[in-house]
PDB file of N, CA and C in Angstrom:
ATOM      1  N   MET A   1      26.231  -8.425   3.142  1.00  0.00           N
ATOM      2  CA  MET A   1      25.397  -7.296   2.787  1.00  0.00           C
ATOM      3  C   MET A   1      25.844  -6.084   3.579  1.00  0.00           C
ATOM      4  N   ALA A   2      25.302  -5.855   4.745  1.00  0.00           N
ATOM      5  CA  ALA A   2      25.642  -4.678   5.527  1.00  0.00           C
ATOM      6  C   ALA A   2      26.783  -5.012   6.471  1.00  0.00           C
ATOM      7  N   ALA A   3      27.549  -4.002   6.790  1.00  0.00           N
ATOM      8  CA  ALA A   3      28.639  -4.202   7.723  1.00  0.00           C
ATOM      9  C   ALA A   3      28.079  -4.478   9.109  1.00  0.00           C
ATOM     10  N   VAL A   4      28.715  -5.414   9.786  1.00  0.00           N
ATOM     11  CA  VAL A   4      28.288  -5.775  11.133  1.00  0.00           C
ATOM     12  C   VAL A   4      29.397  -5.376  12.083  1.00  0.00           C
ATOM     13  N   ALA A   5      29.030  -4.758  13.193  1.00  0.00           N
ATOM     14  CA  ALA A   5      30.004  -4.324  14.186  1.00  0.00           C
ATOM     15  C   ALA A   5      30.618  -5.542  14.871  1.00  0.00           C
ATOM     16  N   GLN A   6      31.714  -5.332  15.592  1.00  0.00           N
ATOM     17  CA  GLN A   6      32.388  -6.432  16.271  1.00  0.00           C
ATOM     18  C   GLN A   6      31.472  -7.144  17.260  1.00  0.00           C
ATOM     19  N   ASP A   7      30.526  -6.434  17.842  1.00  0.00           N
ATOM     20  CA  ASP A   7      29.610  -7.075  18.794  1.00  0.00           C
ATOM     21  C   ASP A   7      28.469  -7.798  18.086  1.00  0.00           C
ATOM     22  N   GLY A   8      28.506  -7.828  16.745  1.00  0.00           N
ATOM     23  CA  GLY A   8      27.492  -8.535  15.978  1.00  0.00           C
ATOM     24  C   GLY A   8      26.273  -7.711  15.639  1.00  0.00           C
ATOM     25  N   SER A   9      26.251  -6.446  16.047  1.00  0.00           N
ATOM     26  CA  SER A   9      25.086  -5.599  15.786  1.00  0.00           C
ATOM     27  C   SER A   9      25.251  -4.846  14.476  1.00  0.00           C
ATOM     28  N   MET A  10      24.134  -4.411  13.942  1.00  0.00           N
ATOM     29  CA  MET A  10      24.149  -3.578  12.744  1.00  0.00           C
ATOM     30  C   MET A  10      23.973  -2.136  13.181  1.00  0.00           C
ATOM     31  N   SER A  11      24.508  -1.215  12.409  1.00  0.00           N
ATOM     32  CA  SER A  11      24.357   0.191  12.756  1.00  0.00           C
ATOM     33  C   SER A  11      22.928   0.649  12.499  1.00  0.00           C
ATOM     34  N   SER A  12      22.546   1.720  13.171  1.00  0.00           N
ATOM     35  CA  SER A  12      21.196   2.252  12.983  1.00  0.00           C
ATOM     36  C   SER A  12      20.999   2.757  11.555  1.00  0.00           C
ATOM     37  N   MET A  13      22.081   3.213  10.904  1.00  0.00           N
ATOM     38  CA  MET A  13      21.965   3.666   9.516  1.00  0.00           C
ATOM     39  C   MET A  13      21.595   2.498   8.614  1.00  0.00           C
ATOM     40  N   GLU A  14      22.226   1.356   8.805  1.00  0.00           N
ATOM     41  CA  GLU A  14      21.908   0.198   7.975  1.00  0.00           C
ATOM     42  C   GLU A  14      20.474  -0.264   8.200  1.00  0.00           C
ATOM     43  N   ILE A  15      20.020  -0.225   9.431  1.00  0.00           N
ATOM     44  CA  ILE A  15      18.635  -0.587   9.728  1.00  0.00           C
ATOM     45  C   ILE A  15      17.699   0.425   9.069  1.00  0.00           C
ATOM     46  N   ALA A  16      18.061   1.697   9.108  1.00  0.00           N
ATOM     47  CA  ALA A  16      17.240   2.731   8.461  1.00  0.00           C
ATOM     48  C   ALA A  16      17.152   2.472   6.959  1.00  0.00           C
ATOM     49  N   GLU A  17      18.251   2.053   6.351  1.00  0.00           N
ATOM     50  CA  GLU A  17      18.241   1.748   4.921  1.00  0.00           C
ATOM     51  C   GLU A  17      17.311   0.576   4.628  1.00  0.00           C
ATOM     52  N   LEU A  18      17.354  -0.442   5.471  1.00  0.00           N
ATOM     53  CA  LEU A  18      16.466  -1.594   5.281  1.00  0.00           C
ATOM     54  C   LEU A  18      15.007  -1.202   5.497  1.00  0.00           C
ATOM     55  N   ARG A  19      14.754  -0.347   6.483  1.00  0.00           N
ATOM     56  CA  ARG A  19      13.381   0.131   6.707  1.00  0.00           C
ATOM     57  C   ARG A  19      12.877   0.904   5.481  1.00  0.00           C
ATOM     58  N   SER A  20      13.752   1.696   4.883  1.00  0.00           N
ATOM     59  CA  SER A  20      13.369   2.428   3.669  1.00  0.00           C
ATOM     60  C   SER A  20      13.037   1.461   2.545  1.00  0.00           C
ATOM     61  N   LEU A  21      13.854   0.433   2.384  1.00  0.00           N
ATOM     62  CA  LEU A  21      13.606  -0.563   1.345  1.00  0.00           C
ATOM     63  C   LEU A  21      12.249  -1.236   1.551  1.00  0.00           C
ATOM     64  N   ILE A  22      11.964  -1.631   2.774  1.00  0.00           N
ATOM     65  CA  ILE A  22      10.685  -2.271   3.092  1.00  0.00           C
ATOM     66  C   ILE A  22       9.528  -1.333   2.781  1.00  0.00           C
ATOM     67  N   ALA A  23       9.676  -0.068   3.153  1.00  0.00           N
ATOM     68  CA  ALA A  23       8.603   0.905   2.916  1.00  0.00           C
ATOM     69  C   ALA A  23       8.390   1.148   1.425  1.00  0.00           C
ATOM     70  N   VAL A  24       9.464   1.215   0.663  1.00  0.00           N
ATOM     71  CA  VAL A  24       9.323   1.408  -0.788  1.00  0.00           C
ATOM     72  C   VAL A  24       8.537   0.243  -1.381  1.00  0.00           C
ATOM     73  N   ALA A  25       8.820  -0.957  -0.921  1.00  0.00           N
ATOM     74  CA  ALA A  25       8.079  -2.124  -1.410  1.00  0.00           C
ATOM     75  C   ALA A  25       6.620  -2.068  -0.958  1.00  0.00           C
ATOM     76  N   ALA A  26       6.396  -1.715   0.292  1.00  0.00           N
ATOM     77  CA  ALA A  26       5.035  -1.701   0.837  1.00  0.00           C
ATOM     78  C   ALA A  26       4.168  -0.619   0.211  1.00  0.00           C
ATOM     79  N   PHE A  27       4.766   0.537  -0.059  1.00  0.00           N
ATOM     80  CA  PHE A  27       4.003   1.673  -0.570  1.00  0.00           C
ATOM     81  C   PHE A  27       4.159   1.871  -2.072  1.00  0.00           C
ATOM     82  N   ALA A  28       4.891   0.974  -2.713  1.00  0.00           N
ATOM     83  CA  ALA A  28       5.056   0.975  -4.171  1.00  0.00           C
ATOM     84  C   ALA A  28       5.585   2.294  -4.718  1.00  0.00           C
ATOM     85  N   GLY A  29       6.493   2.908  -3.989  1.00  0.00           N
ATOM     86  CA  GLY A  29       7.100   4.132  -4.488  1.00  0.00           C
ATOM     87  C   GLY A  29       7.933   4.828  -3.435  1.00  0.00           C
ATOM     88  N   VAL A  30       8.909   5.571  -3.892  1.00  0.00           N
ATOM     89  CA  VAL A  30       9.819   6.272  -2.993  1.00  0.00           C
ATOM     90  C   VAL A  30       9.111   7.416  -2.281  1.00  0.00           C
ATOM     91  N   GLY A  31       8.309   8.181  -3.002  1.00  0.00           N
ATOM     92  CA  GLY A  31       7.626   9.325  -2.398  1.00  0.00           C
ATOM     93  C   GLY A  31       6.684   8.921  -1.283  1.00  0.00           C
ATOM     94  N   ARG A  32       5.873   7.904  -1.540  1.00  0.00           N
ATOM     95  CA  ARG A  32       4.930   7.438  -0.513  1.00  0.00           C
ATOM     96  C   ARG A  32       5.672   6.814   0.666  1.00  0.00           C
ATOM     97  N   ALA A  33       6.747   6.089   0.380  1.00  0.00           N
ATOM     98  CA  ALA A  33       7.556   5.501   1.451  1.00  0.00           C
ATOM     99  C   ALA A  33       8.172   6.595   2.314  1.00  0.00           C
ATOM    100  N   ALA A  34       8.692   7.627   1.670  1.00  0.00           N
ATOM    101  CA  ALA A  34       9.294   8.737   2.410  1.00  0.00           C
ATOM    102  C   ALA A  34       8.267   9.395   3.322  1.00  0.00           C
ATOM    103  N   ALA A  35       7.076   9.628   2.807  1.00  0.00           N
ATOM    104  CA  ALA A  35       6.027  10.246   3.624  1.00  0.00           C
ATOM    105  C   ALA A  35       5.680   9.364   4.816  1.00  0.00           C
ATOM    106  N   ALA A  36       5.571   8.068   4.595  1.00  0.00           N
ATOM    107  CA  ALA A  36       5.221   7.149   5.679  1.00  0.00           C
ATOM    108  C   ALA A  36       6.310   7.083   6.743  1.00  0.00           C
ATOM    109  N   LEU A  37       7.561   7.228   6.325  1.00  0.00           N
ATOM    110  CA  LEU A  37       8.691   7.167   7.255  1.00  0.00           C
ATOM    111  C   LEU A  37       9.047   8.529   7.845  1.00  0.00           C
ATOM    112  N   HIS A  38       8.366   9.567   7.392  1.00  0.00           N
ATOM    113  CA  HIS A  38       8.665  10.944   7.818  1.00  0.00           C
ATOM    114  C   HIS A  38      10.104  11.324   7.463  1.00  0.00           C
ATOM    115  N   LEU A  39      10.499  10.924   6.253  1.00  0.00           N
ATOM    116  CA  LEU A  39      11.806  11.264   5.709  1.00  0.00           C
ATOM    117  C   LEU A  39      11.603  11.989   4.393  1.00  0.00           C
ATOM    118  N   SER A  40      12.656  12.628   3.908  1.00  0.00           N
ATOM    119  CA  SER A  40      12.560  13.256   2.593  1.00  0.00           C
ATOM    120  C   SER A  40      12.732  12.188   1.513  1.00  0.00           C
ATOM    121  N   GLN A  41      12.194  12.483   0.345  1.00  0.00           N
ATOM    122  CA  GLN A  41      12.339  11.566  -0.784  1.00  0.00           C
ATOM    123  C   GLN A  41      13.814  11.360  -1.144  1.00  0.00           C
ATOM    124  N   PRO A  42      14.646  12.422  -1.161  1.00  0.00           N
ATOM    125  CA  PRO A  42      16.066  12.203  -1.452  1.00  0.00           C
ATOM    126  C   PRO A  42      16.757  11.290  -0.433  1.00  0.00           C
ATOM    127  N   THR A  43      16.328  11.337   0.822  1.00  0.00           N
ATOM    128  CA  THR A  43      16.923  10.463   1.838  1.00  0.00           C
ATOM    129  C   THR A  43      16.609   9.004   1.547  1.00  0.00           C
ATOM    130  N   VAL A  44      15.354   8.712   1.229  1.00  0.00           N
ATOM    131  CA  VAL A  44      14.967   7.331   0.918  1.00  0.00           C
ATOM    132  C   VAL A  44      15.685   6.862  -0.348  1.00  0.00           C
ATOM    133  N   SER A  45      15.776   7.718  -1.353  1.00  0.00           N
ATOM    134  CA  SER A  45      16.511   7.361  -2.575  1.00  0.00           C
ATOM    135  C   SER A  45      17.977   7.078  -2.266  1.00  0.00           C
ATOM    136  N   ALA A  46      18.572   7.878  -1.386  1.00  0.00           N
ATOM    137  CA  ALA A  46      19.970   7.669  -0.995  1.00  0.00           C
ATOM    138  C   ALA A  46      20.131   6.340  -0.262  1.00  0.00           C
ATOM    139  N   HIS A  47      19.158   5.991   0.572  1.00  0.00           N
ATOM    140  CA  HIS A  47      19.208   4.698   1.257  1.00  0.00           C
ATOM    141  C   HIS A  47      19.236   3.555   0.245  1.00  0.00           C
ATOM    142  N   LEU A  48      18.389   3.648  -0.777  1.00  0.00           N
ATOM    143  CA  LEU A  48      18.369   2.606  -1.810  1.00  0.00           C
ATOM    144  C   LEU A  48      19.704   2.543  -2.548  1.00  0.00           C
ATOM    145  N   ARG A  49      20.247   3.697  -2.898  1.00  0.00           N
ATOM    146  CA  ARG A  49      21.534   3.731  -3.614  1.00  0.00           C
ATOM    147  C   ARG A  49      22.653   3.132  -2.757  1.00  0.00           C
ATOM    148  N   ARG A  50      22.630   3.433  -1.452  1.00  0.00           N
ATOM    149  CA  ARG A  50      23.664   2.878  -0.565  1.00  0.00           C
ATOM    150  C   ARG A  50      23.571   1.359  -0.487  1.00  0.00           C
ATOM    151  N   LEU A  51      22.350   0.847  -0.367  1.00  0.00           N
ATOM    152  CA  LEU A  51      22.175  -0.608  -0.353  1.00  0.00           C
ATOM    153  C   LEU A  51      22.669  -1.220  -1.660  1.00  0.00           C
ATOM    154  N   GLU A  52      22.330  -0.592  -2.775  1.00  0.00           N
ATOM    155  CA  GLU A  52      22.789  -1.084  -4.079  1.00  0.00           C
ATOM    156  C   GLU A  52      24.312  -1.045  -4.167  1.00  0.00           C
ATOM    157  N   GLY A  53      24.909   0.015  -3.655  1.00  0.00           N
ATOM    158  CA  GLY A  53      26.364   0.130  -3.674  1.00  0.00           C
ATOM    159  C   GLY A  53      27.033  -0.910  -2.795  1.00  0.00           C
ATOM    160  N   THR A  54      26.451  -1.162  -1.637  1.00  0.00           N
ATOM    161  CA  THR A  54      26.998  -2.164  -0.727  1.00  0.00           C
ATOM    162  C   THR A  54      26.956  -3.551  -1.353  1.00  0.00           C
ATOM    163  N   LEU A  55      25.841  -3.856  -1.991  1.00  0.00           N
ATOM    164  CA  LEU A  55      25.665  -5.180  -2.591  1.00  0.00           C
ATOM    165  C   LEU A  55      26.289  -5.301  -3.973  1.00  0.00           C
ATOM    166  N   GLY A  56      26.462  -4.169  -4.643  1.00  0.00           N
ATOM    167  CA  GLY A  56      26.970  -4.196  -6.006  1.00  0.00           C
ATOM    168  C   GLY A  56      25.952  -4.724  -6.999  1.00  0.00           C
ATOM    169  N   LEU A  57      24.679  -4.604  -6.634  1.00  0.00           N
ATOM    170  CA  LEU A  57      23.588  -5.089  -7.484  1.00  0.00           C
ATOM    171  C   LEU A  57      22.476  -4.055  -7.534  1.00  0.00           C
ATOM    172  N   PRO A  58      21.815  -3.927  -8.672  1.00  0.00           N
ATOM    173  CA  PRO A  58      20.631  -3.066  -8.692  1.00  0.00           C
ATOM    174  C   PRO A  58      19.492  -3.756  -7.946  1.00  0.00           C
ATOM    175  N   LEU A  59      18.797  -3.012  -7.117  1.00  0.00           N
ATOM    176  CA  LEU A  59      17.666  -3.550  -6.357  1.00  0.00           C
ATOM    177  C   LEU A  59      16.339  -3.153  -6.972  1.00  0.00           C
ATOM    178  N   VAL A  60      16.336  -2.020  -7.659  1.00  0.00           N
ATOM    179  CA  VAL A  60      15.112  -1.540  -8.302  1.00  0.00           C
ATOM    180  C   VAL A  60      15.446  -1.050  -9.700  1.00  0.00           C
ATOM    181  N   GLU A  61      14.453  -1.117 -10.561  1.00  0.00           N
ATOM    182  CA  GLU A  61      14.539  -0.504 -11.882  1.00  0.00           C
ATOM    183  C   GLU A  61      13.689   0.746 -11.820  1.00  0.00           C
ATOM    184  N   ARG A  62      14.310   1.879 -12.058  1.00  0.00           N
ATOM    185  CA  ARG A  62      13.601   3.151 -11.985  1.00  0.00           C
ATOM    186  C   ARG A  62      12.993   3.457 -13.345  1.00  0.00           C
ATOM    187  N   ARG A  63      11.708   3.732 -13.333  1.00  0.00           N
ATOM    188  CA  ARG A  63      10.972   4.042 -14.570  1.00  0.00           C
ATOM    189  C   ARG A  63      10.199   5.324 -14.356  1.00  0.00           C
ATOM    190  N   GLY A  64      10.908   6.433 -14.461  1.00  0.00           N
ATOM    191  CA  GLY A  64      10.266   7.717 -14.185  1.00  0.00           C
ATOM    192  C   GLY A  64       9.899   7.798 -12.718  1.00  0.00           C
ATOM    193  N   ARG A  65       8.618   7.947 -12.446  1.00  0.00           N
ATOM    194  CA  ARG A  65       8.163   8.032 -11.057  1.00  0.00           C
ATOM    195  C   ARG A  65       7.852   6.665 -10.452  1.00  0.00           C
ATOM    196  N   SER A  66       7.847   5.631 -11.274  1.00  0.00           N
ATOM    197  CA  SER A  66       7.547   4.303 -10.744  1.00  0.00           C
ATOM    198  C   SER A  66       8.823   3.467 -10.680  1.00  0.00           C
ATOM    199  N   ILE A  67       8.788   2.448  -9.851  1.00  0.00           N
ATOM    200  CA  ILE A  67       9.926   1.550  -9.743  1.00  0.00           C
ATOM    201  C   ILE A  67       9.425   0.116  -9.748  1.00  0.00           C
ATOM    202  N   ALA A  68      10.300  -0.777 -10.138  1.00  0.00           N
ATOM    203  CA  ALA A  68      10.025  -2.211 -10.077  1.00  0.00           C
ATOM    204  C   ALA A  68      11.237  -2.865  -9.425  1.00  0.00           C
ATOM    205  N   PHE A  69      10.993  -3.794  -8.534  1.00  0.00           N
ATOM    206  CA  PHE A  69      12.093  -4.478  -7.867  1.00  0.00           C
ATOM    207  C   PHE A  69      12.698  -5.536  -8.780  1.00  0.00           C
ATOM    208  N   THR A  70      14.020  -5.624  -8.742  1.00  0.00           N
ATOM    209  CA  THR A  70      14.719  -6.699  -9.436  1.00  0.00           C
ATOM    210  C   THR A  70      14.560  -7.966  -8.598  1.00  0.00           C
ATOM    211  N   VAL A  71      15.022  -9.081  -9.124  1.00  0.00           N
ATOM    212  CA  VAL A  71      14.986 -10.330  -8.353  1.00  0.00           C
ATOM    213  C   VAL A  71      15.790 -10.160  -7.063  1.00  0.00           C
ATOM    214  N   ALA A  72      16.958  -9.531  -7.163  1.00  0.00           N
ATOM    215  CA  ALA A  72      17.781  -9.286  -5.977  1.00  0.00           C
ATOM    216  C   ALA A  72      17.052  -8.378  -4.992  1.00  0.00           C
ATOM    217  N   GLY A  73      16.364  -7.377  -5.506  1.00  0.00           N
ATOM    218  CA  GLY A  73      15.610  -6.468  -4.647  1.00  0.00           C
ATOM    219  C   GLY A  73      14.486  -7.170  -3.920  1.00  0.00           C
ATOM    220  N   GLU A  74      13.753  -8.018  -4.635  1.00  0.00           N
ATOM    221  CA  GLU A  74      12.664  -8.770  -4.003  1.00  0.00           C
ATOM    222  C   GLU A  74      13.199  -9.683  -2.909  1.00  0.00           C
ATOM    223  N   SER A  75      14.330 -10.309  -3.172  1.00  0.00           N
ATOM    224  CA  SER A  75      14.953 -11.186  -2.185  1.00  0.00           C
ATOM    225  C   SER A  75      15.386 -10.399  -0.952  1.00  0.00           C
ATOM    226  N   LEU A  76      15.989  -9.229  -1.180  1.00  0.00           N
ATOM    227  CA  LEU A  76      16.438  -8.422  -0.053  1.00  0.00           C
ATOM    228  C   LEU A  76      15.259  -7.899   0.758  1.00  0.00           C
ATOM    229  N   VAL A  77      14.157  -7.570   0.120  1.00  0.00           N
ATOM    230  CA  VAL A  77      12.973  -7.117   0.861  1.00  0.00           C
ATOM    231  C   VAL A  77      12.536  -8.215   1.830  1.00  0.00           C
ATOM    232  N   ARG A  78      12.488  -9.458   1.361  1.00  0.00           N
ATOM    233  CA  ARG A  78      12.106 -10.575   2.245  1.00  0.00           C
ATOM    234  C   ARG A  78      13.083 -10.691   3.411  1.00  0.00           C
ATOM    235  N   ASP A  79      14.384 -10.638   3.106  1.00  0.00           N
ATOM    236  CA  ASP A  79      15.396 -10.731   4.155  1.00  0.00           C
ATOM    237  C   ASP A  79      15.334  -9.533   5.097  1.00  0.00           C
ATOM    238  N   ALA A  80      15.080  -8.362   4.545  1.00  0.00           N
ATOM    239  CA  ALA A  80      15.029  -7.139   5.354  1.00  0.00           C
ATOM    240  C   ALA A  80      13.930  -7.218   6.399  1.00  0.00           C
ATOM    241  N   HIS A  81      12.793  -7.799   6.040  1.00  0.00           N
ATOM    242  CA  HIS A  81      11.714  -7.965   7.022  1.00  0.00           C
ATOM    243  C   HIS A  81      12.213  -8.769   8.219  1.00  0.00           C
ATOM    244  N   ARG A  82      12.917  -9.849   7.963  1.00  0.00           N
ATOM    245  CA  ARG A  82      13.424 -10.692   9.057  1.00  0.00           C
ATOM    246  C   ARG A  82      14.498  -9.967   9.857  1.00  0.00           C
ATOM    247  N   ILE A  83      15.410  -9.291   9.170  1.00  0.00           N
ATOM    248  CA  ILE A  83      16.502  -8.589   9.853  1.00  0.00           C
ATOM    249  C   ILE A  83      15.956  -7.502  10.764  1.00  0.00           C
ATOM    250  N   VAL A  84      15.030  -6.703  10.248  1.00  0.00           N
ATOM    251  CA  VAL A  84      14.459  -5.611  11.051  1.00  0.00           C
ATOM    252  C   VAL A  84      13.667  -6.179  12.226  1.00  0.00           C
ATOM    253  N   ALA A  85      12.923  -7.256  12.000  1.00  0.00           N
ATOM    254  CA  ALA A  85      12.165  -7.872  13.096  1.00  0.00           C
ATOM    255  C   ALA A  85      13.102  -8.374  14.189  1.00  0.00           C
ATOM    256  N   LEU A  86      14.208  -8.977  13.808  1.00  0.00           N
ATOM    257  CA  LEU A  86      15.181  -9.440  14.800  1.00  0.00           C
ATOM    258  C   LEU A  86      15.825  -8.267  15.532  1.00  0.00           C
ATOM    259  N   HIS A  87      16.081  -7.196  14.804  1.00  0.00           N
ATOM    260  CA  HIS A  87      16.693  -6.012  15.411  1.00  0.00           C
ATOM    261  C   HIS A  87      15.775  -5.369  16.439  1.00  0.00           C
ATOM    262  N   ASP A  88      14.485  -5.303  16.098  1.00  0.00           N
ATOM    263  CA  ASP A  88      13.518  -4.659  16.993  1.00  0.00           C
ATOM    264  C   ASP A  88      13.285  -5.518  18.215  1.00  0.00           C
TER     265      ASP A  88
END
């Protein structure tokens, strides 16, 4: 999934992307997630696109202002919770 440094750590950008993914799931939308994270909506959207690009899979289905997680997205949200908890 995300690139891991030689020392086995993940970059803060990758953790930020996972935090955005978790927030989008928790708040059921990019706008609300962005507000909760004190980030702009375009930043959170970019985080999602980067994760999708890294994995080569769609994580969400965008339907106007609403989104629905794909099976891969739901799986990554579960994994992201564990990864972020271990990182913290």
